[in-house]
N, C-alpha and C. Protein backbone atom coordinates (compact mmCIF):
# COMPACT_ATOMS: atom_id res chain seq x y z
N MET A 1 -156.64 5.93 3.58
CA MET A 1 -157.28 7.23 3.49
C MET A 1 -156.22 8.29 3.80
N ASN A 2 -156.11 9.30 2.92
CA ASN A 2 -155.11 10.33 3.20
C ASN A 2 -155.60 11.28 4.28
N GLY A 3 -154.69 12.06 4.82
CA GLY A 3 -155.00 12.93 5.94
C GLY A 3 -156.08 13.96 5.66
N LYS A 4 -156.03 14.58 4.47
CA LYS A 4 -157.01 15.61 4.13
C LYS A 4 -158.41 15.00 4.04
N LEU A 5 -158.54 13.87 3.35
CA LEU A 5 -159.84 13.21 3.22
C LEU A 5 -160.36 12.77 4.59
N ALA A 6 -159.48 12.23 5.41
CA ALA A 6 -159.88 11.78 6.74
C ALA A 6 -160.39 12.96 7.58
N ALA A 7 -159.69 14.08 7.50
CA ALA A 7 -160.10 15.26 8.27
C ALA A 7 -161.45 15.79 7.79
N ILE A 8 -161.64 15.84 6.48
CA ILE A 8 -162.92 16.33 5.94
C ILE A 8 -164.04 15.37 6.33
N TYR A 9 -163.78 14.07 6.22
CA TYR A 9 -164.78 13.06 6.57
C TYR A 9 -165.19 13.22 8.04
N GLU A 10 -164.21 13.31 8.93
CA GLU A 10 -164.50 13.43 10.36
C GLU A 10 -165.30 14.70 10.65
N MET A 11 -164.93 15.81 9.99
CA MET A 11 -165.66 17.06 10.18
C MET A 11 -167.10 16.91 9.68
N ALA A 12 -167.26 16.32 8.48
CA ALA A 12 -168.60 16.13 7.91
C ALA A 12 -169.44 15.21 8.80
N GLU A 13 -168.83 14.15 9.30
CA GLU A 13 -169.54 13.23 10.19
C GLU A 13 -170.02 13.95 11.45
N ASP A 14 -169.14 14.76 12.03
CA ASP A 14 -169.48 15.52 13.24
C ASP A 14 -170.60 16.51 12.95
N PHE A 15 -170.49 17.24 11.84
CA PHE A 15 -171.51 18.23 11.48
C PHE A 15 -172.85 17.55 11.19
N LYS A 16 -172.82 16.40 10.55
CA LYS A 16 -174.07 15.69 10.24
C LYS A 16 -174.73 15.22 11.54
N GLU A 17 -173.94 14.67 12.45
CA GLU A 17 -174.49 14.21 13.74
C GLU A 17 -175.13 15.36 14.51
N LYS A 18 -174.58 16.56 14.36
CA LYS A 18 -175.12 17.74 15.05
C LYS A 18 -176.26 18.39 14.28
N GLY A 19 -176.59 17.86 13.10
CA GLY A 19 -177.67 18.42 12.30
C GLY A 19 -177.31 19.69 11.57
N ILE A 20 -176.02 19.94 11.42
CA ILE A 20 -175.57 21.18 10.77
C ILE A 20 -175.59 21.06 9.24
N ILE A 21 -175.27 19.88 8.73
CA ILE A 21 -175.23 19.67 7.27
C ILE A 21 -176.02 18.43 6.88
N ASP A 22 -176.45 18.41 5.62
CA ASP A 22 -177.04 17.19 5.06
C ASP A 22 -176.43 16.88 3.70
N GLY A 23 -175.43 17.66 3.31
CA GLY A 23 -174.77 17.44 2.04
C GLY A 23 -173.36 17.98 2.05
N ILE A 24 -172.64 17.64 0.97
CA ILE A 24 -171.25 18.08 0.85
C ILE A 24 -170.93 18.29 -0.63
N GLY A 25 -170.10 19.28 -0.90
CA GLY A 25 -169.66 19.54 -2.27
C GLY A 25 -168.24 19.04 -2.45
N MET A 26 -167.99 18.47 -3.60
CA MET A 26 -166.63 18.01 -3.93
C MET A 26 -166.08 18.89 -5.05
N GLN A 27 -165.36 19.95 -4.68
CA GLN A 27 -164.73 20.81 -5.68
C GLN A 27 -163.73 19.94 -6.43
N SER A 28 -163.87 19.86 -7.75
CA SER A 28 -163.14 18.84 -8.51
C SER A 28 -162.30 19.41 -9.64
N HIS A 29 -161.30 20.21 -9.27
CA HIS A 29 -160.28 20.63 -10.24
C HIS A 29 -159.22 19.53 -10.23
N LEU A 30 -159.33 18.61 -11.17
CA LEU A 30 -158.51 17.40 -11.19
C LEU A 30 -157.38 17.53 -12.19
N ASP A 31 -156.37 16.66 -12.04
CA ASP A 31 -155.20 16.69 -12.92
C ASP A 31 -154.95 15.33 -13.54
N VAL A 32 -155.04 15.28 -14.87
CA VAL A 32 -154.73 14.06 -15.60
C VAL A 32 -153.21 13.83 -15.57
N ARG A 33 -152.46 14.92 -15.57
CA ARG A 33 -151.00 14.87 -15.65
C ARG A 33 -150.59 14.09 -16.89
N HIS A 34 -149.89 12.99 -16.73
CA HIS A 34 -149.45 12.20 -17.89
C HIS A 34 -150.30 10.94 -18.08
N GLY A 35 -151.37 10.82 -17.33
CA GLY A 35 -152.28 9.68 -17.44
C GLY A 35 -152.14 8.71 -16.29
N SER A 36 -151.00 8.07 -16.19
CA SER A 36 -150.81 7.05 -15.15
C SER A 36 -150.61 7.67 -13.77
N ASP A 37 -150.31 8.97 -13.72
CA ASP A 37 -150.07 9.63 -12.44
C ASP A 37 -151.15 10.66 -12.12
N ALA A 38 -152.35 10.46 -12.64
CA ALA A 38 -153.45 11.40 -12.41
C ALA A 38 -153.69 11.61 -10.93
N PHE A 39 -154.13 12.81 -10.59
CA PHE A 39 -154.45 13.09 -9.19
C PHE A 39 -155.76 13.85 -9.10
N PRO A 40 -156.65 13.35 -8.28
CA PRO A 40 -156.55 12.06 -7.61
C PRO A 40 -156.77 10.93 -8.60
N SER A 41 -156.34 9.75 -8.24
CA SER A 41 -156.61 8.60 -9.10
C SER A 41 -158.12 8.35 -9.09
N VAL A 42 -158.60 7.64 -10.08
CA VAL A 42 -160.03 7.33 -10.13
C VAL A 42 -160.44 6.56 -8.88
N SER A 43 -159.62 5.64 -8.43
CA SER A 43 -159.98 4.86 -7.24
C SER A 43 -160.01 5.74 -5.98
N MET A 44 -159.13 6.73 -5.91
CA MET A 44 -159.17 7.66 -4.77
C MET A 44 -160.45 8.49 -4.79
N TYR A 45 -160.83 8.95 -5.97
CA TYR A 45 -162.05 9.75 -6.12
C TYR A 45 -163.27 8.90 -5.76
N ASP A 46 -163.30 7.67 -6.25
CA ASP A 46 -164.38 6.74 -5.97
C ASP A 46 -164.46 6.47 -4.46
N HIS A 47 -163.32 6.33 -3.83
CA HIS A 47 -163.27 6.09 -2.38
C HIS A 47 -163.89 7.26 -1.61
N ALA A 48 -163.59 8.49 -2.03
CA ALA A 48 -164.17 9.67 -1.38
C ALA A 48 -165.69 9.66 -1.56
N LEU A 49 -166.15 9.33 -2.76
CA LEU A 49 -167.60 9.23 -2.99
C LEU A 49 -168.22 8.16 -2.09
N ASP A 50 -167.54 7.03 -1.94
CA ASP A 50 -168.01 5.97 -1.04
C ASP A 50 -168.18 6.49 0.38
N MET A 51 -167.15 7.17 0.85
CA MET A 51 -167.17 7.65 2.24
C MET A 51 -168.32 8.61 2.48
N TYR A 52 -168.48 9.60 1.60
CA TYR A 52 -169.55 10.57 1.79
C TYR A 52 -170.92 9.93 1.60
N SER A 53 -171.02 8.98 0.70
CA SER A 53 -172.28 8.26 0.50
C SER A 53 -172.64 7.47 1.75
N ASN A 54 -171.64 6.83 2.35
CA ASN A 54 -171.87 6.04 3.55
C ASN A 54 -172.35 6.88 4.73
N LEU A 55 -172.03 8.17 4.70
CA LEU A 55 -172.54 9.08 5.74
C LEU A 55 -173.99 9.47 5.46
N GLY A 56 -174.46 9.13 4.26
CA GLY A 56 -175.82 9.50 3.89
C GLY A 56 -175.94 10.95 3.45
N LEU A 57 -174.82 11.54 3.06
CA LEU A 57 -174.84 12.93 2.62
C LEU A 57 -175.22 13.05 1.15
N ASP A 58 -175.93 14.13 0.84
CA ASP A 58 -176.16 14.49 -0.56
C ASP A 58 -174.82 15.03 -1.06
N ILE A 59 -174.40 14.56 -2.23
CA ILE A 59 -173.11 14.97 -2.79
C ILE A 59 -173.35 15.80 -4.03
N GLN A 60 -172.66 16.92 -4.13
CA GLN A 60 -172.66 17.72 -5.35
C GLN A 60 -171.22 17.84 -5.81
N VAL A 61 -170.97 17.35 -7.04
CA VAL A 61 -169.65 17.46 -7.64
C VAL A 61 -169.61 18.83 -8.30
N THR A 62 -168.71 19.68 -7.85
CA THR A 62 -168.68 21.06 -8.33
C THR A 62 -167.36 21.36 -9.03
N GLU A 63 -167.42 22.29 -9.96
CA GLU A 63 -166.23 22.78 -10.64
C GLU A 63 -165.41 21.68 -11.30
N LEU A 64 -166.08 20.69 -11.87
CA LEU A 64 -165.39 19.54 -12.46
C LEU A 64 -164.64 19.94 -13.73
N ASP A 65 -163.36 19.72 -13.71
CA ASP A 65 -162.50 19.82 -14.88
C ASP A 65 -161.27 18.96 -14.61
N ALA A 66 -160.59 18.53 -15.66
CA ALA A 66 -159.42 17.67 -15.50
C ALA A 66 -158.37 18.06 -16.54
N GLY A 67 -157.34 18.75 -16.08
CA GLY A 67 -156.32 19.28 -16.97
C GLY A 67 -155.21 18.30 -17.30
N VAL A 68 -154.60 18.55 -18.45
CA VAL A 68 -153.42 17.80 -18.90
C VAL A 68 -152.21 18.73 -18.76
N PRO A 69 -150.98 18.22 -18.94
CA PRO A 69 -149.83 19.09 -18.82
C PRO A 69 -149.95 20.32 -19.75
N ALA A 70 -149.58 21.47 -19.23
CA ALA A 70 -149.70 22.73 -19.97
C ALA A 70 -148.99 22.66 -21.32
N ASP A 71 -149.65 23.26 -22.28
CA ASP A 71 -149.09 23.41 -23.63
C ASP A 71 -148.64 22.09 -24.26
N SER A 72 -149.37 21.01 -23.99
CA SER A 72 -149.00 19.71 -24.54
C SER A 72 -149.81 19.36 -25.79
N GLY A 73 -150.60 20.31 -26.30
CA GLY A 73 -151.41 20.03 -27.48
C GLY A 73 -152.40 18.92 -27.17
N ASP A 74 -152.57 18.00 -28.13
CA ASP A 74 -153.52 16.91 -27.92
C ASP A 74 -152.83 15.61 -27.47
N LYS A 75 -151.56 15.71 -27.09
CA LYS A 75 -150.77 14.53 -26.73
C LYS A 75 -151.41 13.67 -25.63
N TYR A 76 -152.08 14.30 -24.67
CA TYR A 76 -152.65 13.56 -23.54
C TYR A 76 -154.18 13.49 -23.59
N PHE A 77 -154.77 13.79 -24.73
CA PHE A 77 -156.23 13.78 -24.83
C PHE A 77 -156.82 12.39 -24.61
N GLU A 78 -156.16 11.35 -25.06
CA GLU A 78 -156.69 9.99 -24.82
C GLU A 78 -156.61 9.64 -23.34
N ALA A 79 -155.52 10.02 -22.68
CA ALA A 79 -155.41 9.79 -21.23
C ALA A 79 -156.47 10.60 -20.50
N GLN A 80 -156.72 11.82 -20.96
CA GLN A 80 -157.76 12.66 -20.38
C GLN A 80 -159.13 12.01 -20.56
N ALA A 81 -159.37 11.45 -21.74
CA ALA A 81 -160.66 10.78 -22.01
C ALA A 81 -160.84 9.58 -21.08
N GLU A 82 -159.81 8.77 -20.91
CA GLU A 82 -159.90 7.60 -20.02
C GLU A 82 -160.16 8.04 -18.58
N TYR A 83 -159.49 9.11 -18.17
CA TYR A 83 -159.65 9.62 -16.81
C TYR A 83 -161.08 10.14 -16.60
N TYR A 84 -161.54 10.97 -17.51
CA TYR A 84 -162.92 11.47 -17.42
C TYR A 84 -163.91 10.31 -17.37
N HIS A 85 -163.68 9.29 -18.19
CA HIS A 85 -164.56 8.13 -18.21
C HIS A 85 -164.62 7.48 -16.83
N GLY A 86 -163.46 7.27 -16.23
CA GLY A 86 -163.41 6.65 -14.91
C GLY A 86 -164.07 7.49 -13.84
N ILE A 87 -163.83 8.81 -13.87
CA ILE A 87 -164.43 9.71 -12.88
C ILE A 87 -165.95 9.72 -13.03
N TRP A 88 -166.44 9.85 -14.27
CA TRP A 88 -167.88 9.87 -14.50
C TRP A 88 -168.53 8.53 -14.15
N LYS A 89 -167.82 7.45 -14.40
CA LYS A 89 -168.37 6.14 -14.06
C LYS A 89 -168.49 6.02 -12.53
N ALA A 90 -167.50 6.54 -11.80
CA ALA A 90 -167.57 6.53 -10.33
C ALA A 90 -168.74 7.38 -9.85
N ILE A 91 -168.92 8.54 -10.45
CA ILE A 91 -170.03 9.41 -10.08
C ILE A 91 -171.35 8.70 -10.35
N TYR A 92 -171.46 8.08 -11.52
CA TYR A 92 -172.70 7.39 -11.88
C TYR A 92 -172.99 6.24 -10.92
N ALA A 93 -171.96 5.55 -10.48
CA ALA A 93 -172.15 4.44 -9.54
C ALA A 93 -172.71 4.93 -8.20
N HIS A 94 -172.52 6.21 -7.90
CA HIS A 94 -173.02 6.80 -6.65
C HIS A 94 -174.22 7.71 -6.91
N ARG A 95 -174.90 7.50 -8.01
CA ARG A 95 -175.98 8.40 -8.44
C ARG A 95 -177.10 8.56 -7.40
N GLU A 96 -177.27 7.59 -6.52
CA GLU A 96 -178.31 7.72 -5.49
C GLU A 96 -177.97 8.85 -4.51
N ASN A 97 -176.70 9.17 -4.38
CA ASN A 97 -176.27 10.21 -3.44
C ASN A 97 -175.81 11.49 -4.13
N VAL A 98 -175.57 11.45 -5.45
CA VAL A 98 -175.07 12.62 -6.17
C VAL A 98 -176.25 13.35 -6.81
N SER A 99 -176.49 14.58 -6.35
CA SER A 99 -177.64 15.33 -6.88
C SER A 99 -177.25 16.32 -7.96
N ALA A 100 -175.94 16.58 -8.13
CA ALA A 100 -175.53 17.54 -9.16
C ALA A 100 -174.08 17.29 -9.56
N VAL A 101 -173.83 17.50 -10.85
CA VAL A 101 -172.46 17.52 -11.37
C VAL A 101 -172.35 18.80 -12.17
N ILE A 102 -171.45 19.67 -11.76
CA ILE A 102 -171.30 20.98 -12.39
C ILE A 102 -169.92 21.07 -13.01
N LEU A 103 -169.90 21.24 -14.32
CA LEU A 103 -168.63 21.41 -15.02
C LEU A 103 -168.15 22.85 -14.84
N TRP A 104 -166.83 23.03 -14.80
CA TRP A 104 -166.26 24.35 -14.56
C TRP A 104 -165.99 25.05 -15.89
N GLY A 105 -167.01 25.11 -16.72
CA GLY A 105 -166.89 25.81 -17.98
C GLY A 105 -167.24 24.92 -19.15
N VAL A 106 -167.21 25.51 -20.34
CA VAL A 106 -167.57 24.78 -21.55
C VAL A 106 -166.37 24.59 -22.46
N THR A 107 -165.68 25.68 -22.78
CA THR A 107 -164.54 25.59 -23.70
C THR A 107 -163.23 25.87 -22.99
N ASP A 108 -162.19 25.17 -23.44
CA ASP A 108 -160.86 25.30 -22.83
C ASP A 108 -160.36 26.74 -22.79
N ASP A 109 -160.57 27.48 -23.87
CA ASP A 109 -160.00 28.83 -23.96
C ASP A 109 -160.62 29.80 -22.96
N ARG A 110 -161.78 29.45 -22.40
CA ARG A 110 -162.45 30.33 -21.43
C ARG A 110 -162.21 29.89 -19.99
N SER A 111 -161.42 28.86 -19.80
CA SER A 111 -161.14 28.34 -18.46
C SER A 111 -159.97 29.08 -17.82
N TRP A 112 -160.02 29.24 -16.52
CA TRP A 112 -158.89 29.82 -15.81
C TRP A 112 -157.70 28.85 -15.83
N ARG A 113 -157.95 27.59 -16.21
CA ARG A 113 -156.90 26.58 -16.32
C ARG A 113 -156.63 26.27 -17.80
N ARG A 114 -156.86 27.25 -18.67
CA ARG A 114 -156.81 27.03 -20.12
C ARG A 114 -155.55 26.35 -20.62
N ASP A 115 -154.40 26.60 -19.99
CA ASP A 115 -153.15 25.97 -20.45
C ASP A 115 -153.20 24.45 -20.35
N GLY A 116 -154.03 23.93 -19.43
CA GLY A 116 -154.16 22.49 -19.25
C GLY A 116 -155.34 21.88 -20.00
N GLN A 117 -156.03 22.69 -20.81
CA GLN A 117 -157.15 22.21 -21.64
C GLN A 117 -158.06 21.25 -20.89
N PRO A 118 -158.65 21.70 -19.76
CA PRO A 118 -159.35 20.78 -18.87
C PRO A 118 -160.79 20.43 -19.20
N LEU A 119 -161.37 21.09 -20.18
CA LEU A 119 -162.81 20.92 -20.41
C LEU A 119 -163.11 20.01 -21.59
N MET A 120 -164.37 19.91 -21.95
CA MET A 120 -164.79 18.93 -22.96
C MET A 120 -164.84 19.47 -24.38
N PHE A 121 -164.71 20.79 -24.54
CA PHE A 121 -164.78 21.38 -25.87
C PHE A 121 -163.61 22.33 -26.09
N ASN A 122 -163.12 22.38 -27.33
CA ASN A 122 -162.04 23.31 -27.63
C ASN A 122 -162.61 24.70 -27.90
N LYS A 123 -161.76 25.65 -28.27
CA LYS A 123 -162.21 27.03 -28.45
C LYS A 123 -163.24 27.18 -29.56
N ASP A 124 -163.29 26.23 -30.49
CA ASP A 124 -164.27 26.26 -31.58
C ASP A 124 -165.53 25.47 -31.25
N PHE A 125 -165.69 25.11 -29.98
CA PHE A 125 -166.83 24.32 -29.49
C PHE A 125 -166.88 22.93 -30.11
N LEU A 126 -165.74 22.42 -30.53
CA LEU A 126 -165.67 21.05 -31.04
C LEU A 126 -165.39 20.11 -29.87
N ALA A 127 -166.14 19.02 -29.81
CA ALA A 127 -165.98 18.07 -28.71
C ALA A 127 -164.63 17.39 -28.78
N LYS A 128 -164.02 17.21 -27.62
CA LYS A 128 -162.74 16.50 -27.50
C LYS A 128 -163.03 15.04 -27.14
N PRO A 129 -162.03 14.17 -27.18
CA PRO A 129 -162.26 12.76 -26.84
C PRO A 129 -162.89 12.55 -25.45
N ASN A 130 -162.59 13.43 -24.49
CA ASN A 130 -163.16 13.26 -23.15
C ASN A 130 -164.68 13.39 -23.16
N PHE A 131 -165.23 14.20 -24.05
CA PHE A 131 -166.68 14.31 -24.17
C PHE A 131 -167.27 12.97 -24.60
N TYR A 132 -166.70 12.39 -25.64
CA TYR A 132 -167.21 11.12 -26.16
C TYR A 132 -167.00 9.96 -25.19
N SER A 133 -166.01 10.10 -24.29
CA SER A 133 -165.72 9.01 -23.36
C SER A 133 -166.80 8.81 -22.31
N ILE A 134 -167.62 9.81 -22.09
CA ILE A 134 -168.64 9.67 -21.04
C ILE A 134 -170.00 9.30 -21.61
N ILE A 135 -170.14 9.38 -22.92
CA ILE A 135 -171.42 9.03 -23.55
C ILE A 135 -171.65 7.52 -23.38
N GLY A 136 -172.82 7.15 -22.94
CA GLY A 136 -173.16 5.74 -22.81
C GLY A 136 -172.82 5.11 -21.48
N ILE A 137 -172.26 5.86 -20.54
CA ILE A 137 -171.92 5.27 -19.23
C ILE A 137 -173.13 4.63 -18.56
N PRO A 138 -174.33 5.24 -18.63
CA PRO A 138 -175.47 4.56 -17.99
C PRO A 138 -175.78 3.19 -18.58
N ASP A 139 -175.36 2.94 -19.81
CA ASP A 139 -175.63 1.66 -20.46
C ASP A 139 -174.56 0.61 -20.19
N GLU A 140 -173.46 1.01 -19.56
CA GLU A 140 -172.38 0.06 -19.28
C GLU A 140 -172.74 -0.80 -18.09
N PRO A 141 -172.29 -2.06 -18.10
CA PRO A 141 -172.56 -2.93 -16.94
C PRO A 141 -171.87 -2.38 -15.70
N GLU A 142 -172.57 -2.45 -14.57
CA GLU A 142 -172.01 -1.95 -13.32
C GLU A 142 -171.42 -3.04 -12.45
N ASP A 143 -171.74 -4.28 -12.76
CA ASP A 143 -171.34 -5.36 -11.86
C ASP A 143 -169.96 -5.92 -12.17
N GLU A 144 -169.23 -5.35 -13.13
CA GLU A 144 -167.89 -5.85 -13.42
C GLU A 144 -166.91 -5.29 -12.41
N PRO A 145 -166.14 -6.13 -11.78
CA PRO A 145 -165.12 -5.60 -10.86
C PRO A 145 -164.02 -4.92 -11.65
N ALA A 146 -163.50 -3.86 -11.11
CA ALA A 146 -162.39 -3.16 -11.77
C ALA A 146 -161.16 -4.05 -11.73
N GLU A 147 -160.43 -4.11 -12.83
CA GLU A 147 -159.23 -4.93 -12.90
C GLU A 147 -158.06 -4.19 -12.28
N LYS A 148 -157.19 -4.91 -11.64
CA LYS A 148 -155.99 -4.34 -11.06
C LYS A 148 -155.07 -3.93 -12.19
N SER A 149 -154.60 -2.70 -12.18
CA SER A 149 -153.71 -2.24 -13.23
C SER A 149 -152.26 -2.36 -12.77
N GLU A 150 -151.37 -2.47 -13.73
CA GLU A 150 -149.95 -2.51 -13.38
C GLU A 150 -149.58 -1.20 -12.73
N GLY A 151 -148.85 -1.26 -11.65
CA GLY A 151 -148.39 -0.06 -10.99
C GLY A 151 -149.42 0.57 -10.07
N ALA A 152 -150.62 -0.01 -9.96
CA ALA A 152 -151.62 0.54 -9.05
C ALA A 152 -151.20 0.23 -7.63
N ALA A 153 -151.43 1.19 -6.76
CA ALA A 153 -151.10 0.99 -5.36
C ALA A 153 -152.01 -0.08 -4.78
N GLU A 154 -151.58 -0.71 -3.70
CA GLU A 154 -152.38 -1.75 -3.07
C GLU A 154 -153.75 -1.19 -2.73
N GLY A 155 -154.78 -1.92 -3.10
CA GLY A 155 -156.14 -1.47 -2.83
C GLY A 155 -156.73 -0.62 -3.94
N GLU A 156 -155.91 -0.16 -4.88
CA GLU A 156 -156.42 0.63 -5.99
C GLU A 156 -156.71 -0.28 -7.16
N THR A 157 -157.63 0.13 -7.99
CA THR A 157 -157.98 -0.63 -9.17
C THR A 157 -157.84 0.23 -10.40
N SER A 158 -157.81 -0.42 -11.54
CA SER A 158 -157.72 0.30 -12.81
C SER A 158 -159.04 0.98 -13.09
N ASP A 159 -158.99 2.15 -13.73
CA ASP A 159 -160.22 2.83 -14.10
C ASP A 159 -160.73 2.34 -15.44
N THR A 160 -160.12 1.33 -16.00
CA THR A 160 -160.60 0.74 -17.26
C THR A 160 -160.93 -0.70 -17.00
N ALA A 161 -162.13 -0.93 -16.46
CA ALA A 161 -162.52 -2.27 -16.04
C ALA A 161 -163.16 -3.10 -17.14
N GLU A 162 -163.43 -2.50 -18.27
CA GLU A 162 -164.09 -3.22 -19.35
C GLU A 162 -163.15 -4.29 -19.91
N THR A 163 -163.64 -5.50 -20.04
CA THR A 163 -162.83 -6.57 -20.58
C THR A 163 -163.11 -6.75 -22.05
N ASP A 164 -162.14 -7.32 -22.79
CA ASP A 164 -162.33 -7.57 -24.21
C ASP A 164 -163.51 -8.51 -24.42
N GLU A 165 -163.65 -9.48 -23.53
CA GLU A 165 -164.73 -10.46 -23.67
C GLU A 165 -166.10 -9.80 -23.57
N SER A 166 -166.30 -8.93 -22.57
CA SER A 166 -167.61 -8.29 -22.42
C SER A 166 -167.87 -7.32 -23.55
N ALA A 167 -166.84 -6.64 -24.04
CA ALA A 167 -167.01 -5.72 -25.17
C ALA A 167 -167.40 -6.50 -26.42
N ALA A 168 -166.77 -7.64 -26.64
CA ALA A 168 -167.09 -8.46 -27.81
C ALA A 168 -168.52 -8.99 -27.70
N GLU A 169 -168.90 -9.42 -26.49
CA GLU A 169 -170.26 -9.92 -26.26
C GLU A 169 -171.28 -8.82 -26.52
N GLU A 170 -171.00 -7.61 -26.05
CA GLU A 170 -171.89 -6.47 -26.25
C GLU A 170 -172.03 -6.16 -27.74
N ASN A 171 -170.91 -6.17 -28.48
CA ASN A 171 -170.94 -5.90 -29.91
C ASN A 171 -171.75 -6.96 -30.64
N THR A 172 -171.64 -8.22 -30.24
CA THR A 172 -172.38 -9.32 -30.85
C THR A 172 -173.88 -9.12 -30.61
N GLU A 173 -174.25 -8.77 -29.39
CA GLU A 173 -175.65 -8.53 -29.06
C GLU A 173 -176.21 -7.37 -29.88
N GLU A 174 -175.43 -6.28 -30.01
CA GLU A 174 -175.88 -5.12 -30.79
C GLU A 174 -176.06 -5.50 -32.25
N ALA A 175 -175.12 -6.26 -32.80
CA ALA A 175 -175.20 -6.67 -34.20
C ALA A 175 -176.43 -7.55 -34.43
N ALA A 176 -176.72 -8.45 -33.49
CA ALA A 176 -177.88 -9.32 -33.62
C ALA A 176 -179.17 -8.51 -33.56
N ALA A 177 -179.22 -7.52 -32.70
CA ALA A 177 -180.41 -6.67 -32.59
C ALA A 177 -180.61 -5.87 -33.87
N GLU A 178 -179.51 -5.32 -34.43
CA GLU A 178 -179.60 -4.57 -35.69
C GLU A 178 -180.06 -5.47 -36.83
N GLU A 179 -179.53 -6.68 -36.89
CA GLU A 179 -179.89 -7.63 -37.94
C GLU A 179 -181.38 -7.98 -37.86
N THR A 180 -181.89 -8.20 -36.65
CA THR A 180 -183.31 -8.52 -36.45
C THR A 180 -184.18 -7.35 -36.88
N THR A 181 -183.77 -6.13 -36.56
CA THR A 181 -184.52 -4.95 -36.94
C THR A 181 -184.56 -4.80 -38.45
N GLU A 182 -183.42 -5.02 -39.11
CA GLU A 182 -183.37 -4.93 -40.57
C GLU A 182 -184.26 -5.98 -41.22
N GLU A 183 -184.23 -7.22 -40.71
CA GLU A 183 -185.07 -8.30 -41.25
C GLU A 183 -186.55 -7.96 -41.10
N THR A 184 -186.94 -7.43 -39.96
CA THR A 184 -188.33 -7.06 -39.71
C THR A 184 -188.76 -5.95 -40.67
N ALA A 185 -187.90 -4.98 -40.91
CA ALA A 185 -188.22 -3.88 -41.84
C ALA A 185 -188.39 -4.42 -43.26
N GLU A 186 -187.53 -5.33 -43.67
CA GLU A 186 -187.62 -5.92 -45.01
C GLU A 186 -188.92 -6.71 -45.16
N GLU A 187 -189.29 -7.49 -44.16
CA GLU A 187 -190.52 -8.28 -44.20
C GLU A 187 -191.74 -7.37 -44.27
N THR A 188 -191.72 -6.25 -43.54
CA THR A 188 -192.82 -5.30 -43.56
C THR A 188 -192.98 -4.68 -44.95
N GLU A 189 -191.84 -4.34 -45.58
CA GLU A 189 -191.87 -3.76 -46.92
C GLU A 189 -192.45 -4.74 -47.92
N LYS A 190 -192.05 -6.00 -47.84
CA LYS A 190 -192.54 -7.03 -48.76
C LYS A 190 -194.04 -7.25 -48.59
N ALA A 191 -194.52 -7.20 -47.36
CA ALA A 191 -195.93 -7.43 -47.08
C ALA A 191 -196.80 -6.31 -47.63
N GLU A 192 -196.26 -5.12 -47.70
CA GLU A 192 -197.03 -3.96 -48.19
C GLU A 192 -197.07 -4.04 -49.68
């Protein structure tokens, strides 16, 4: 646990014991940077959520945005999408304690961090890859352990825990469900 997180945790714990607070906000102006060096890492963010959840505090994620290096065009959009996916998955895993997630704007050009293109839509309101990366998170399995990534610090895990095997299994199940639906529709048409 880093010093800042430890100090905030201890203060929150003290305030909660004294009945001063029952919740905490996590101002979340995050940095994708070049992808592998994002700050905070997904595991660090998840750890902070764990700590505040363990105190029994209501958590509100505020001012959420995640910028890429300034003026880099779309070069880091895939890294941004992976990062957003990991952050949102961590938030969803703590949904019992998270009562709000507030994005810090809609379009990149209207953000005070516009050079880092931190939001989910461009100036023309077109969705970026990070928007699509969070769709379907509630449907993803939660019981998969995160895989250790190369270069991850001890105790940290990769924010891309999905395995090829589970993805293939999921695709097979979806295809079988679609095939069954199509067969049922064809049989209904023939019967009429």
